[in-house]
């Protein structure tokens, strides 16, 4: 693994945060079903989901910035338009 690659760091972060978000989801569901206090678990789950969404957005931004700029195709710009 290349630790100097931001995309890989974000991918590792998504994996770790996703794992704990899933674990806290299970704990929150069990707490709700057993009648135990679940507010702390639910708030922690909310925070983890927000961090997960931010990591997904960061990943999309990194991937989009690495994508080469597409040039318009020459053969498509000279197509005749259909008029009514």
PDB file of N, CA and C in Angstrom:
ATOM      1  N   UNK A   1       0.833  -1.170   0.000  1.00  0.00           N
ATOM      2  CA  UNK A   1       0.000   0.000   0.000  1.00  0.00           C
ATOM      3  C   UNK A   1       0.884   1.243   0.000  1.00  0.00           C
ATOM      4  N   UNK A   2       0.488   2.210  -0.819  1.00  0.00           N
ATOM      5  CA  UNK A   2       1.223   3.464  -0.900  1.00  0.00           C
ATOM      6  C   UNK A   2       0.552   4.486   0.013  1.00  0.00           C
ATOM      7  N   UNK A   3       1.211   4.837   1.089  1.00  0.00           N
ATOM      8  CA  UNK A   3       0.632   5.763   2.055  1.00  0.00           C
ATOM      9  C   UNK A   3       0.666   7.199   1.568  1.00  0.00           C
ATOM     10  N   UNK A   4       1.388   7.475   0.480  1.00  0.00           N
ATOM     11  CA  UNK A   4       1.414   8.836  -0.041  1.00  0.00           C
ATOM     12  C   UNK A   4       0.314   9.073  -1.072  1.00  0.00           C
ATOM     13  N   UNK A   5      -0.498   8.077  -1.361  1.00  0.00           N
ATOM     14  CA  UNK A   5      -1.603   8.209  -2.302  1.00  0.00           C
ATOM     15  C   UNK A   5      -2.875   8.558  -1.531  1.00  0.00           C
ATOM     16  N   UNK A   6      -3.434   9.741  -1.730  1.00  0.00           N
ATOM     17  CA  UNK A   6      -4.622  10.141  -0.967  1.00  0.00           C
ATOM     18  C   UNK A   6      -5.833   9.242  -1.214  1.00  0.00           C
ATOM     19  N   UNK A   7      -5.955   8.694  -2.421  1.00  0.00           N
ATOM     20  CA  UNK A   7      -7.098   7.836  -2.714  1.00  0.00           C
ATOM     21  C   UNK A   7      -7.065   6.569  -1.870  1.00  0.00           C
ATOM     22  N   UNK A   8      -5.893   6.011  -1.694  1.00  0.00           N
ATOM     23  CA  UNK A   8      -5.792   4.804  -0.874  1.00  0.00           C
ATOM     24  C   UNK A   8      -6.055   5.105   0.592  1.00  0.00           C
ATOM     25  N   UNK A   9      -5.604   6.253   1.061  1.00  0.00           N
ATOM     26  CA  UNK A   9      -5.900   6.639   2.447  1.00  0.00           C
ATOM     27  C   UNK A   9      -7.398   6.804   2.670  1.00  0.00           C
ATOM     28  N   UNK A  10      -8.073   7.409   1.701  1.00  0.00           N
ATOM     29  CA  UNK A  10      -9.524   7.585   1.817  1.00  0.00           C
ATOM     30  C   UNK A  10     -10.219   6.231   1.758  1.00  0.00           C
ATOM     31  N   UNK A  11      -9.738   5.329   0.904  1.00  0.00           N
ATOM     32  CA  UNK A  11     -10.327   3.987   0.826  1.00  0.00           C
ATOM     33  C   UNK A  11     -10.174   3.230   2.143  1.00  0.00           C
ATOM     34  N   UNK A  12      -9.004   3.341   2.761  1.00  0.00           N
ATOM     35  CA  UNK A  12      -8.800   2.689   4.054  1.00  0.00           C
ATOM     36  C   UNK A  12      -9.716   3.315   5.100  1.00  0.00           C
ATOM     37  N   UNK A  13      -9.845   4.636   5.062  1.00  0.00           N
ATOM     38  CA  UNK A  13     -10.749   5.324   5.986  1.00  0.00           C
ATOM     39  C   UNK A  13     -12.185   4.890   5.800  1.00  0.00           C
ATOM     40  N   UNK A  14     -12.614   4.723   4.557  1.00  0.00           N
ATOM     41  CA  UNK A  14     -13.983   4.264   4.284  1.00  0.00           C
ATOM     42  C   UNK A  14     -14.185   2.866   4.859  1.00  0.00           C
ATOM     43  N   UNK A  15     -13.194   2.011   4.702  1.00  0.00           N
ATOM     44  CA  UNK A  15     -13.314   0.655   5.233  1.00  0.00           C
ATOM     45  C   UNK A  15     -13.409   0.630   6.750  1.00  0.00           C
ATOM     46  N   UNK A  16     -12.556   1.402   7.412  1.00  0.00           N
ATOM     47  CA  UNK A  16     -12.554   1.410   8.874  1.00  0.00           C
ATOM     48  C   UNK A  16     -13.835   2.036   9.417  1.00  0.00           C
ATOM     49  N   UNK A  17     -14.189   3.207   8.893  1.00  0.00           N
ATOM     50  CA  UNK A  17     -15.392   3.883   9.373  1.00  0.00           C
ATOM     51  C   UNK A  17     -16.632   3.070   9.019  1.00  0.00           C
ATOM     52  N   UNK A  18     -16.648   2.453   7.852  1.00  0.00           N
ATOM     53  CA  UNK A  18     -17.790   1.616   7.471  1.00  0.00           C
ATOM     54  C   UNK A  18     -17.952   0.419   8.386  1.00  0.00           C
ATOM     55  N   UNK A  19     -16.852  -0.192   8.776  1.00  0.00           N
ATOM     56  CA  UNK A  19     -16.911  -1.321   9.701  1.00  0.00           C
ATOM     57  C   UNK A  19     -17.509  -0.895  11.036  1.00  0.00           C
ATOM     58  N   UNK A  20     -17.006   0.202  11.583  1.00  0.00           N
ATOM     59  CA  UNK A  20     -17.517   0.647  12.880  1.00  0.00           C
ATOM     60  C   UNK A  20     -18.944   1.167  12.792  1.00  0.00           C
ATOM     61  N   UNK A  21     -19.314   1.767  11.660  1.00  0.00           N
ATOM     62  CA  UNK A  21     -20.698   2.201  11.480  1.00  0.00           C
ATOM     63  C   UNK A  21     -21.628   0.992  11.484  1.00  0.00           C
ATOM     64  N   UNK A  22     -21.232  -0.071  10.813  1.00  0.00           N
ATOM     65  CA  UNK A  22     -22.045  -1.288  10.811  1.00  0.00           C
ATOM     66  C   UNK A  22     -22.137  -1.881  12.217  1.00  0.00           C
ATOM     67  N   UNK A  23     -21.009  -1.898  12.938  1.00  0.00           N
ATOM     68  CA  UNK A  23     -21.009  -2.432  14.302  1.00  0.00           C
ATOM     69  C   UNK A  23     -21.915  -1.600  15.205  1.00  0.00           C
ATOM     70  N   UNK A  24     -21.839  -0.276  15.097  1.00  0.00           N
ATOM     71  CA  UNK A  24     -22.691   0.573  15.927  1.00  0.00           C
ATOM     72  C   UNK A  24     -24.154   0.472  15.509  1.00  0.00           C
ATOM     73  N   UNK A  25     -24.429   0.185  14.248  1.00  0.00           N
ATOM     74  CA  UNK A  25     -25.807  -0.054  13.821  1.00  0.00           C
ATOM     75  C   UNK A  25     -26.369  -1.284  14.523  1.00  0.00           C
ATOM     76  N   UNK A  26     -25.588  -2.351  14.561  1.00  0.00           N
ATOM     77  CA  UNK A  26     -26.034  -3.576  15.237  1.00  0.00           C
ATOM     78  C   UNK A  26     -26.239  -3.316  16.725  1.00  0.00           C
ATOM     79  N   UNK A  27     -25.297  -2.613  17.354  1.00  0.00           N
ATOM     80  CA  UNK A  27     -25.413  -2.317  18.789  1.00  0.00           C
ATOM     81  C   UNK A  27     -26.637  -1.445  19.057  1.00  0.00           C
ATOM     82  N   UNK A  28     -26.889  -0.470  18.206  1.00  0.00           N
ATOM     83  CA  UNK A  28     -28.055   0.400  18.380  1.00  0.00           C
ATOM     84  C   UNK A  28     -29.352  -0.381  18.238  1.00  0.00           C
ATOM     85  N   UNK A  29     -29.418  -1.264  17.254  1.00  0.00           N
ATOM     86  CA  UNK A  29     -30.636  -2.078  17.069  1.00  0.00           C
ATOM     87  C   UNK A  29     -30.858  -2.983  18.267  1.00  0.00           C
ATOM     88  N   UNK A  30     -29.808  -3.633  18.739  1.00  0.00           N
ATOM     89  CA  UNK A  30     -29.943  -4.522  19.902  1.00  0.00           C
ATOM     90  C   UNK A  30     -30.351  -3.726  21.136  1.00  0.00           C
ATOM     91  N   UNK A  31     -29.776  -2.535  21.316  1.00  0.00           N
ATOM     92  CA  UNK A  31     -30.136  -1.704  22.459  1.00  0.00           C
ATOM     93  C   UNK A  31     -31.598  -1.279  22.397  1.00  0.00           C
ATOM     94  N   UNK A  32     -32.069  -0.935  21.228  1.00  0.00           N
ATOM     95  CA  UNK A  32     -33.474  -0.543  21.068  1.00  0.00           C
ATOM     96  C   UNK A  32     -34.407  -1.725  21.340  1.00  0.00           C
ATOM     97  N   UNK A  33     -34.037  -2.891  20.865  1.00  0.00           N
ATOM     98  CA  UNK A  33     -34.909  -4.060  21.043  1.00  0.00           C
ATOM     99  C   UNK A  33     -34.933  -4.557  22.484  1.00  0.00           C
ATOM    100  N   UNK A  34     -33.840  -4.376  23.209  1.00  0.00           N
ATOM    101  CA  UNK A  34     -33.785  -4.844  24.593  1.00  0.00           C
ATOM    102  C   UNK A  34     -34.252  -3.784  25.580  1.00  0.00           C
ATOM    103  N   UNK A  35     -34.501  -2.578  25.116  1.00  0.00           N
ATOM    104  CA  UNK A  35     -34.978  -1.522  25.994  1.00  0.00           C
ATOM    105  C   UNK A  35     -33.875  -0.786  26.725  1.00  0.00           C
ATOM    106  N   UNK A  36     -32.644  -1.010  26.366  1.00  0.00           N
ATOM    107  CA  UNK A  36     -31.526  -0.305  26.998  1.00  0.00           C
ATOM    108  C   UNK A  36     -31.419   1.109  26.415  1.00  0.00           C
ATOM    109  N   UNK A  37     -30.649   1.950  27.084  1.00  0.00           N
ATOM    110  CA  UNK A  37     -30.448   3.316  26.604  1.00  0.00           C
ATOM    111  C   UNK A  37     -29.646   3.272  25.303  1.00  0.00           C
ATOM    112  N   UNK A  38     -30.229   3.787  24.213  1.00  0.00           N
ATOM    113  CA  UNK A  38     -29.591   3.687  22.903  1.00  0.00           C
ATOM    114  C   UNK A  38     -29.233   5.047  22.319  1.00  0.00           C
ATOM    115  N   UNK A  39     -29.466   6.119  23.069  1.00  0.00           N
ATOM    116  CA  UNK A  39     -29.219   7.450  22.518  1.00  0.00           C
ATOM    117  C   UNK A  39     -27.740   7.661  22.198  1.00  0.00           C
ATOM    118  N   UNK A  40     -26.865   7.293  23.075  1.00  0.00           N
ATOM    119  CA  UNK A  40     -25.429   7.449  22.836  1.00  0.00           C
ATOM    120  C   UNK A  40     -24.956   6.641  21.650  1.00  0.00           C
ATOM    121  N   UNK A  41     -25.448   5.406  21.560  1.00  0.00           N
ATOM    122  CA  UNK A  41     -25.081   4.559  20.417  1.00  0.00           C
ATOM    123  C   UNK A  41     -25.588   5.165  19.113  1.00  0.00           C
ATOM    124  N   UNK A  42     -26.821   5.680  19.135  1.00  0.00           N
ATOM    125  CA  UNK A  42     -27.410   6.247  17.925  1.00  0.00           C
ATOM    126  C   UNK A  42     -26.684   7.522  17.501  1.00  0.00           C
ATOM    127  N   UNK A  43     -26.300   8.346  18.462  1.00  0.00           N
ATOM    128  CA  UNK A  43     -25.576   9.570  18.115  1.00  0.00           C
ATOM    129  C   UNK A  43     -24.182   9.253  17.563  1.00  0.00           C
ATOM    130  N   UNK A  44     -23.550   8.239  18.129  1.00  0.00           N
ATOM    131  CA  UNK A  44     -22.252   7.811  17.603  1.00  0.00           C
ATOM    132  C   UNK A  44     -22.410   7.267  16.181  1.00  0.00           C
ATOM    133  N   UNK A  45     -23.463   6.495  15.964  1.00  0.00           N
ATOM    134  CA  UNK A  45     -23.746   5.986  14.620  1.00  0.00           C
ATOM    135  C   UNK A  45     -23.976   7.135  13.649  1.00  0.00           C
ATOM    136  N   UNK A  46     -24.710   8.149  14.070  1.00  0.00           N
ATOM    137  CA  UNK A  46     -24.948   9.313  13.214  1.00  0.00           C
ATOM    138  C   UNK A  46     -23.632   9.994  12.840  1.00  0.00           C
ATOM    139  N   UNK A  47     -22.766  10.174  13.810  1.00  0.00           N
ATOM    140  CA  UNK A  47     -21.466  10.796  13.541  1.00  0.00           C
ATOM    141  C   UNK A  47     -20.649   9.958  12.558  1.00  0.00           C
ATOM    142  N   UNK A  48     -20.658   8.631  12.739  1.00  0.00           N
ATOM    143  CA  UNK A  48     -19.911   7.760  11.836  1.00  0.00           C
ATOM    144  C   UNK A  48     -20.476   7.798  10.418  1.00  0.00           C
ATOM    145  N   UNK A  49     -21.784   7.852  10.297  1.00  0.00           N
ATOM    146  CA  UNK A  49     -22.397   7.923   8.966  1.00  0.00           C
ATOM    147  C   UNK A  49     -22.044   9.247   8.297  1.00  0.00           C
ATOM    148  N   UNK A  50     -22.021  10.334   9.058  1.00  0.00           N
ATOM    149  CA  UNK A  50     -21.637  11.624   8.479  1.00  0.00           C
ATOM    150  C   UNK A  50     -20.182  11.613   8.011  1.00  0.00           C
ATOM    151  N   UNK A  51     -19.307  11.019   8.800  1.00  0.00           N
ATOM    152  CA  UNK A  51     -17.899  10.905   8.397  1.00  0.00           C
ATOM    153  C   UNK A  51     -17.781  10.026   7.148  1.00  0.00           C
ATOM    154  N   UNK A  52     -18.576   8.961   7.086  1.00  0.00           N
ATOM    155  CA  UNK A  52     -18.559   8.070   5.927  1.00  0.00           C
ATOM    156  C   UNK A  52     -19.008   8.808   4.668  1.00  0.00           C
ATOM    157  N   UNK A  53     -20.035   9.621   4.772  1.00  0.00           N
ATOM    158  CA  UNK A  53     -20.496  10.403   3.620  1.00  0.00           C
ATOM    159  C   UNK A  53     -19.429  11.391   3.183  1.00  0.00           C
ATOM    160  N   UNK A  54     -18.763  12.041   4.138  1.00  0.00           N
ATOM    161  CA  UNK A  54     -17.687  12.966   3.789  1.00  0.00           C
ATOM    162  C   UNK A  54     -16.525  12.247   3.104  1.00  0.00           C
ATOM    163  N   UNK A  55     -16.206  11.047   3.561  1.00  0.00           N
ATOM    164  CA  UNK A  55     -15.139  10.278   2.924  1.00  0.00           C
ATOM    165  C   UNK A  55     -15.520   9.865   1.506  1.00  0.00           C
ATOM    166  N   UNK A  56     -16.788   9.494   1.297  1.00  0.00           N
ATOM    167  CA  UNK A  56     -17.241   9.148  -0.055  1.00  0.00           C
ATOM    168  C   UNK A  56     -17.144  10.361  -0.979  1.00  0.00           C
ATOM    169  N   UNK A  57     -17.533  11.529  -0.465  1.00  0.00           N
ATOM    170  CA  UNK A  57     -17.429  12.735  -1.280  1.00  0.00           C
ATOM    171  C   UNK A  57     -15.972  13.065  -1.592  1.00  0.00           C
ATOM    172  N   UNK A  58     -15.099  12.884  -0.616  1.00  0.00           N
ATOM    173  CA  UNK A  58     -13.677  13.127  -0.851  1.00  0.00           C
ATOM    174  C   UNK A  58     -13.141  12.171  -1.900  1.00  0.00           C
ATOM    175  N   UNK A  59     -13.577  10.918  -1.856  1.00  0.00           N
ATOM    176  CA  UNK A  59     -13.128   9.931  -2.845  1.00  0.00           C
ATOM    177  C   UNK A  59     -13.599  10.308  -4.243  1.00  0.00           C
ATOM    178  N   UNK A  60     -14.866  10.737  -4.346  1.00  0.00           N
ATOM    179  CA  UNK A  60     -15.386  11.154  -5.652  1.00  0.00           C
ATOM    180  C   UNK A  60     -14.612  12.352  -6.184  1.00  0.00           C
ATOM    181  N   UNK A  61     -14.256  13.285  -5.291  1.00  0.00           N
ATOM    182  CA  UNK A  61     -13.498  14.457  -5.699  1.00  0.00           C
ATOM    183  C   UNK A  61     -12.095  14.077  -6.184  1.00  0.00           C
ATOM    184  N   UNK A  62     -11.453  13.161  -5.486  1.00  0.00           N
ATOM    185  CA  UNK A  62     -10.112  12.726  -5.878  1.00  0.00           C
ATOM    186  C   UNK A  62     -10.148  12.015  -7.225  1.00  0.00           C
ATOM    187  N   UNK A  63     -11.122  11.125  -7.402  1.00  0.00           N
ATOM    188  CA  UNK A  63     -11.236  10.392  -8.669  1.00  0.00           C
ATOM    189  C   UNK A  63     -11.542  11.353  -9.816  1.00  0.00           C
ATOM    190  N   UNK A  64     -12.420  12.330  -9.572  1.00  0.00           N
ATOM    191  CA  UNK A  64     -12.765  13.291 -10.623  1.00  0.00           C
ATOM    192  C   UNK A  64     -11.571  14.171 -10.979  1.00  0.00           C
ATOM    193  N   UNK A  65     -10.746  14.500 -10.009  1.00  0.00           N
ATOM    194  CA  UNK A  65      -9.591  15.346 -10.307  1.00  0.00           C
ATOM    195  C   UNK A  65      -8.516  14.587 -11.076  1.00  0.00           C
ATOM    196  N   UNK A  66      -8.504  13.286 -10.979  1.00  0.00           N
ATOM    197  CA  UNK A  66      -7.515  12.479 -11.709  1.00  0.00           C
ATOM    198  C   UNK A  66      -7.978  12.128 -13.115  1.00  0.00           C
ATOM    199  N   UNK A  67      -9.257  12.274 -13.392  1.00  0.00           N
ATOM    200  CA  UNK A  67      -9.797  11.932 -14.699  1.00  0.00           C
ATOM    201  C   UNK A  67      -9.331  12.962 -15.723  1.00  0.00           C
ATOM    202  N   UNK A  68      -8.832  12.509 -16.867  1.00  0.00           N
ATOM    203  CA  UNK A  68      -8.372  13.477 -17.875  1.00  0.00           C
ATOM    204  C   UNK A  68      -9.554  14.236 -18.467  1.00  0.00           C
ATOM    205  N   UNK A  69      -9.279  15.457 -18.880  1.00  0.00           N
ATOM    206  CA  UNK A  69     -10.319  16.280 -19.493  1.00  0.00           C
ATOM    207  C   UNK A  69     -10.585  15.736 -20.891  1.00  0.00           C
ATOM    208  N   UNK A  70     -11.855  15.465 -21.158  1.00  0.00           N
ATOM    209  CA  UNK A  70     -12.207  14.908 -22.465  1.00  0.00           C
ATOM    210  C   UNK A  70     -12.394  16.045 -23.458  1.00  0.00           C
ATOM    211  N   UNK A  71     -11.802  15.870 -24.627  1.00  0.00           N
ATOM    212  CA  UNK A  71     -11.961  16.842 -25.689  1.00  0.00           C
ATOM    213  C   UNK A  71     -13.151  16.428 -26.543  1.00  0.00           C
ATOM    214  N   UNK A  72     -13.873  17.396 -27.078  1.00  0.00           N
ATOM    215  CA  UNK A  72     -15.012  17.034 -27.929  1.00  0.00           C
ATOM    216  C   UNK A  72     -14.542  16.328 -29.189  1.00  0.00           C
ATOM    217  N   UNK A  73     -15.305  15.341 -29.612  1.00  0.00           N
ATOM    218  CA  UNK A  73     -14.956  14.603 -30.822  1.00  0.00           C
ATOM    219  C   UNK A  73     -15.231  15.475 -32.050  1.00  0.00           C
ATOM    220  N   UNK A  74     -14.261  15.520 -32.939  1.00  0.00           N
ATOM    221  CA  UNK A  74     -14.392  16.338 -34.143  1.00  0.00           C
ATOM    222  C   UNK A  74     -15.525  15.847 -35.043  1.00  0.00           C
ATOM    223  N   UNK A  75     -15.686  14.528 -35.135  1.00  0.00           N
ATOM    224  CA  UNK A  75     -16.695  14.003 -36.045  1.00  0.00           C
ATOM    225  C   UNK A  75     -18.109  14.221 -35.505  1.00  0.00           C
ATOM    226  N   UNK A  76     -18.264  14.498 -34.219  1.00  0.00           N
ATOM    227  CA  UNK A  76     -19.594  14.744 -33.669  1.00  0.00           C
ATOM    228  C   UNK A  76     -19.997  16.213 -33.755  1.00  0.00           C
ATOM    229  N   UNK A  77     -19.048  17.105 -33.880  1.00  0.00           N
ATOM    230  CA  UNK A  77     -19.386  18.525 -33.918  1.00  0.00           C
ATOM    231  C   UNK A  77     -19.906  18.956 -35.281  1.00  0.00           C
ATOM    232  N   UNK A  78     -19.671  18.178 -36.320  1.00  0.00           N
ATOM    233  CA  UNK A  78     -20.093  18.557 -37.663  1.00  0.00           C
ATOM    234  C   UNK A  78     -21.313  17.765 -38.132  1.00  0.00           C
ATOM    235  N   UNK A  79     -22.034  17.142 -37.209  1.00  0.00           N
ATOM    236  CA  UNK A  79     -23.222  16.415 -37.610  1.00  0.00           C
ATOM    237  C   UNK A  79     -24.339  17.390 -37.943  1.00  0.00           C
ATOM    238  N   UNK A  80     -25.113  17.084 -38.976  1.00  0.00           N
ATOM    239  CA  UNK A  80     -26.219  17.976 -39.316  1.00  0.00           C
ATOM    240  C   UNK A  80     -27.317  17.866 -38.248  1.00  0.00           C
ATOM    241  N   UNK A  81     -27.941  18.979 -37.950  1.00  0.00           N
ATOM    242  CA  UNK A  81     -29.023  18.975 -36.985  1.00  0.00           C
ATOM    243  C   UNK A  81     -30.335  18.747 -37.691  1.00  0.00           C
ATOM    244  N   UNK A  82     -31.257  18.147 -36.987  1.00  0.00           N
ATOM    245  CA  UNK A  82     -32.544  17.825 -37.565  1.00  0.00           C
ATOM    246  C   UNK A  82     -33.506  18.962 -37.235  1.00  0.00           C
ATOM    247  N   UNK A  83     -34.079  19.610 -38.246  1.00  0.00           N
ATOM    248  CA  UNK A  83     -35.010  20.714 -38.002  1.00  0.00           C
ATOM    249  C   UNK A  83     -36.398  20.291 -38.413  1.00  0.00           C
ATOM    250  N   UNK A  84     -37.404  20.875 -37.732  1.00  0.00           N
ATOM    251  CA  UNK A  84     -38.811  20.511 -37.990  1.00  0.00           C
ATOM    252  C   UNK A  84     -39.404  21.348 -39.085  1.00  0.00           C
TER     253      UNK A  84
END
